[in-house]
Amino acid sequence: MPQSTYADILESMTRQQLIEMSKVYARLLLTVDGLWFLETEKFAGQERAIEHDRNVWRQYGTIEAKRMKQLLSIDSVSTLEDFCRIALLGPMWVTQGHKAEIVDGRCFLSVTDCHPQKARIRSGLGEFPCKSVTLAYFAGFGPELNPGLKFRCLFCPPDEHPQDIWCKWEVLLEAG
């Protein structure tokens, strides 16, 4: 076999294979996060594990936003359309059934198929109260993209939610 580099292998893949590979990598990231969380929860309890998870996802949100800006060659997000484009490329959204819509100057992000939640339920662990962790993620992600981005949770576990939507977030872009 001739010597190959990562770039050679990527260039030999079809567009569809590259899209699927990005989804596989995104799922793997969330799998590592889930496995880490389960081990931490086992040894330190759920409350302590969530505290660490919030800290990690806040830092991760900042790093993800910086790298996405670099990838897309932008300094900041200036529209909600741009925000949706960047947000939906992130692993947290690409691996879930997701929906982004802009209505009356507000962006709504929804997760319709949450693999980590389904895995917890299948394992008998029940729903994970992920609201505070996702708020921490947005606290890192948003200001790095634009300090005017504001996030409001409409519902997210442990909140009650419709059968077909796990969580829904409102995103506003304030001027200034």
Protein backbone atom coordinates (compact mmCIF):
# COMPACT_ATOMS: atom_id res chain seq x y z
CA MET A 1 0.00 0.00 0.00
CA PRO A 2 1.40 3.41 -0.91
CA GLN A 3 2.04 5.81 1.94
CA SER A 4 -1.00 7.99 2.61
CA THR A 5 -1.58 11.09 4.61
CA TYR A 6 -4.76 12.19 6.30
CA ALA A 7 -5.28 14.74 3.50
CA ASP A 8 -4.82 12.01 0.84
CA ILE A 9 -7.45 9.86 2.49
CA LEU A 10 -9.90 12.77 2.81
CA GLU A 11 -9.39 13.71 -0.83
CA SER A 12 -10.20 10.16 -1.89
CA MET A 13 -13.55 10.20 -0.08
CA THR A 14 -16.84 11.18 -1.68
CA ARG A 15 -18.76 14.24 -0.51
CA GLN A 16 -21.33 11.97 1.17
CA GLN A 17 -18.60 10.00 2.95
CA LEU A 18 -17.10 13.25 4.27
CA ILE A 19 -20.52 14.38 5.54
CA GLU A 20 -21.09 11.03 7.24
CA MET A 21 -17.58 11.09 8.71
CA SER A 22 -18.26 14.48 10.29
CA LYS A 23 -21.38 13.01 11.90
CA VAL A 24 -19.42 9.99 13.16
CA TYR A 25 -16.79 12.28 14.73
CA ALA A 26 -19.50 14.41 16.32
CA ARG A 27 -21.17 11.32 17.81
CA LEU A 28 -17.79 10.09 19.06
CA LEU A 29 -17.20 13.42 20.84
CA LEU A 30 -20.55 13.12 22.61
CA THR A 31 -19.85 9.46 23.38
CA VAL A 32 -16.59 10.39 25.11
CA ASP A 33 -18.44 13.13 27.00
CA GLY A 34 -21.15 10.69 28.04
CA LEU A 35 -18.72 7.99 29.14
CA TRP A 36 -16.69 10.54 31.11
CA PHE A 37 -19.86 11.83 32.75
CA LEU A 38 -21.10 8.35 33.70
CA GLU A 39 -17.78 7.48 35.31
CA THR A 40 -17.67 10.79 37.19
CA GLU A 41 -21.29 10.36 38.26
CA LYS A 42 -20.51 6.85 39.53
CA PHE A 43 -17.64 8.03 41.74
CA ALA A 44 -18.67 11.55 42.74
CA GLY A 45 -22.46 11.60 42.37
CA GLN A 46 -24.64 13.34 39.85
CA GLU A 47 -24.54 16.82 41.40
CA ARG A 48 -20.73 16.94 41.45
CA ALA A 49 -20.50 15.42 37.96
CA ILE A 50 -22.89 18.08 36.61
CA GLU A 51 -20.77 20.81 38.24
CA HIS A 52 -17.69 19.52 36.39
CA ASP A 53 -19.68 19.03 33.19
CA ARG A 54 -20.83 22.67 33.27
CA ASN A 55 -17.24 23.85 33.64
CA VAL A 56 -16.05 21.65 30.78
CA TRP A 57 -18.88 22.59 28.39
CA ARG A 58 -18.46 26.34 29.13
CA GLN A 59 -14.79 26.08 28.13
CA TYR A 60 -15.64 23.86 25.19
CA GLY A 61 -18.24 26.37 23.94
CA THR A 62 -15.62 29.13 23.84
CA ILE A 63 -13.08 26.93 22.05
CA GLU A 64 -15.66 25.67 19.55
CA ALA A 65 -16.79 29.21 18.69
CA LYS A 66 -13.18 30.38 18.19
CA ARG A 67 -12.40 27.46 15.90
CA MET A 68 -15.61 27.84 13.90
CA LYS A 69 -14.87 31.55 13.34
CA GLN A 70 -11.39 30.60 12.18
CA LEU A 71 -12.70 27.85 9.88
CA LEU A 72 -15.28 30.19 8.32
CA SER A 73 -12.90 33.20 8.25
CA ILE A 74 -15.17 35.53 10.23
CA ASP A 75 -14.45 37.87 13.13
CA SER A 76 -17.90 37.74 14.66
CA VAL A 77 -21.47 36.74 13.97
CA SER A 78 -23.59 39.66 12.81
CA THR A 79 -26.92 37.97 12.05
CA LEU A 80 -29.05 35.22 13.54
CA GLU A 81 -28.78 33.39 10.21
CA ASP A 82 -24.99 33.31 10.65
CA PHE A 83 -25.42 32.15 14.23
CA CYS A 84 -27.70 29.27 13.14
CA ARG A 85 -25.23 28.27 10.45
CA ILE A 86 -22.36 28.04 12.93
CA ALA A 87 -24.39 26.48 15.75
CA LEU A 88 -25.78 23.72 13.56
CA LEU A 89 -22.27 22.74 12.44
CA GLY A 90 -21.28 21.97 16.04
CA PRO A 91 -21.19 18.39 17.32
CA MET A 92 -23.84 19.03 19.94
CA TRP A 93 -26.39 19.82 17.21
CA VAL A 94 -25.24 17.79 14.21
CA THR A 95 -25.70 14.46 16.00
CA GLN A 96 -29.20 15.20 17.26
CA GLY A 97 -32.38 15.63 15.33
CA HIS A 98 -32.29 19.40 15.30
CA LYS A 99 -34.24 22.30 13.98
CA ALA A 100 -33.33 25.97 13.68
CA GLU A 101 -35.84 28.58 12.66
CA ILE A 102 -35.88 32.36 12.72
CA VAL A 103 -39.21 33.97 13.54
CA ASP A 104 -39.71 37.72 14.14
CA GLY A 105 -36.03 38.41 14.76
CA ARG A 106 -35.57 35.51 17.14
CA CYS A 107 -33.84 32.22 16.50
CA PHE A 108 -35.24 29.02 17.94
CA LEU A 109 -33.03 25.94 18.30
CA SER A 110 -34.72 22.64 19.07
CA VAL A 111 -33.48 19.09 19.63
CA THR A 112 -35.97 16.55 18.37
CA ASP A 113 -33.90 13.36 18.70
CA CYS A 114 -31.48 13.33 21.64
CA HIS A 115 -29.20 10.29 21.49
CA PRO A 116 -27.60 10.81 24.95
CA GLN A 117 -31.03 11.09 26.60
CA LYS A 118 -32.31 8.00 24.80
CA ALA A 119 -29.19 6.05 25.84
CA ARG A 120 -29.68 7.04 29.50
CA ILE A 121 -33.32 6.00 29.41
CA ARG A 122 -32.45 2.66 27.74
CA SER A 123 -29.89 2.08 30.52
CA GLY A 124 -32.48 2.78 33.21
CA LEU A 125 -30.86 6.04 34.34
CA GLY A 126 -33.74 8.34 33.40
CA GLU A 127 -33.48 11.73 31.75
CA PHE A 128 -30.35 13.74 32.38
CA PRO A 129 -31.06 17.25 33.71
CA CYS A 130 -28.96 18.92 30.99
CA LYS A 131 -30.37 22.45 31.17
CA SER A 132 -27.59 23.92 33.32
CA VAL A 133 -24.90 22.24 31.21
CA THR A 134 -26.35 23.60 27.97
CA LEU A 135 -26.67 27.08 29.52
CA ALA A 136 -22.98 26.84 30.46
CA TYR A 137 -22.11 25.82 26.89
CA PHE A 138 -24.00 28.83 25.51
CA ALA A 139 -22.28 31.07 28.10
CA GLY A 140 -18.97 30.14 26.50
CA PHE A 141 -20.13 29.85 22.89
CA GLY A 142 -22.28 32.97 22.50
CA PRO A 143 -20.03 35.79 23.71
CA GLU A 144 -17.14 34.47 21.64
CA LEU A 145 -19.30 34.76 18.51
CA ASN A 146 -20.90 38.07 19.48
CA PRO A 147 -21.39 39.60 22.97
CA GLY A 148 -24.93 40.60 21.93
CA LEU A 149 -26.09 36.98 21.64
CA LYS A 150 -28.51 36.12 24.44
CA PHE A 151 -29.97 32.69 25.17
CA ARG A 152 -33.17 31.72 26.92
CA CYS A 153 -34.27 28.21 27.67
CA LEU A 154 -37.90 27.60 26.77
CA PHE A 155 -37.65 24.03 28.09
CA CYS A 156 -34.95 21.44 28.63
CA PRO A 157 -34.67 18.47 31.00
CA PRO A 158 -35.34 18.43 33.88
CA ASP A 159 -38.26 20.54 32.57
CA GLU A 160 -41.29 18.80 31.16
CA HIS A 161 -41.17 18.73 27.37
CA PRO A 162 -43.29 17.54 24.46
CA GLN A 163 -42.78 13.96 23.32
CA ASP A 164 -41.23 15.07 20.01
CA ILE A 165 -38.92 17.85 21.31
CA TRP A 166 -36.32 17.38 24.05
CA CYS A 167 -35.33 21.00 24.41
CA LYS A 168 -35.96 24.37 22.83
CA TRP A 169 -33.84 27.50 23.09
CA GLU A 170 -34.50 31.07 22.06
CA VAL A 171 -31.57 33.10 20.76
CA LEU A 172 -31.64 36.87 20.42
CA LEU A 173 -29.03 39.19 18.95
CA GLU A 174 -29.04 42.48 20.80
CA ALA A 175 -27.52 45.51 19.13
CA GLY A 176 -24.43 47.16 20.54
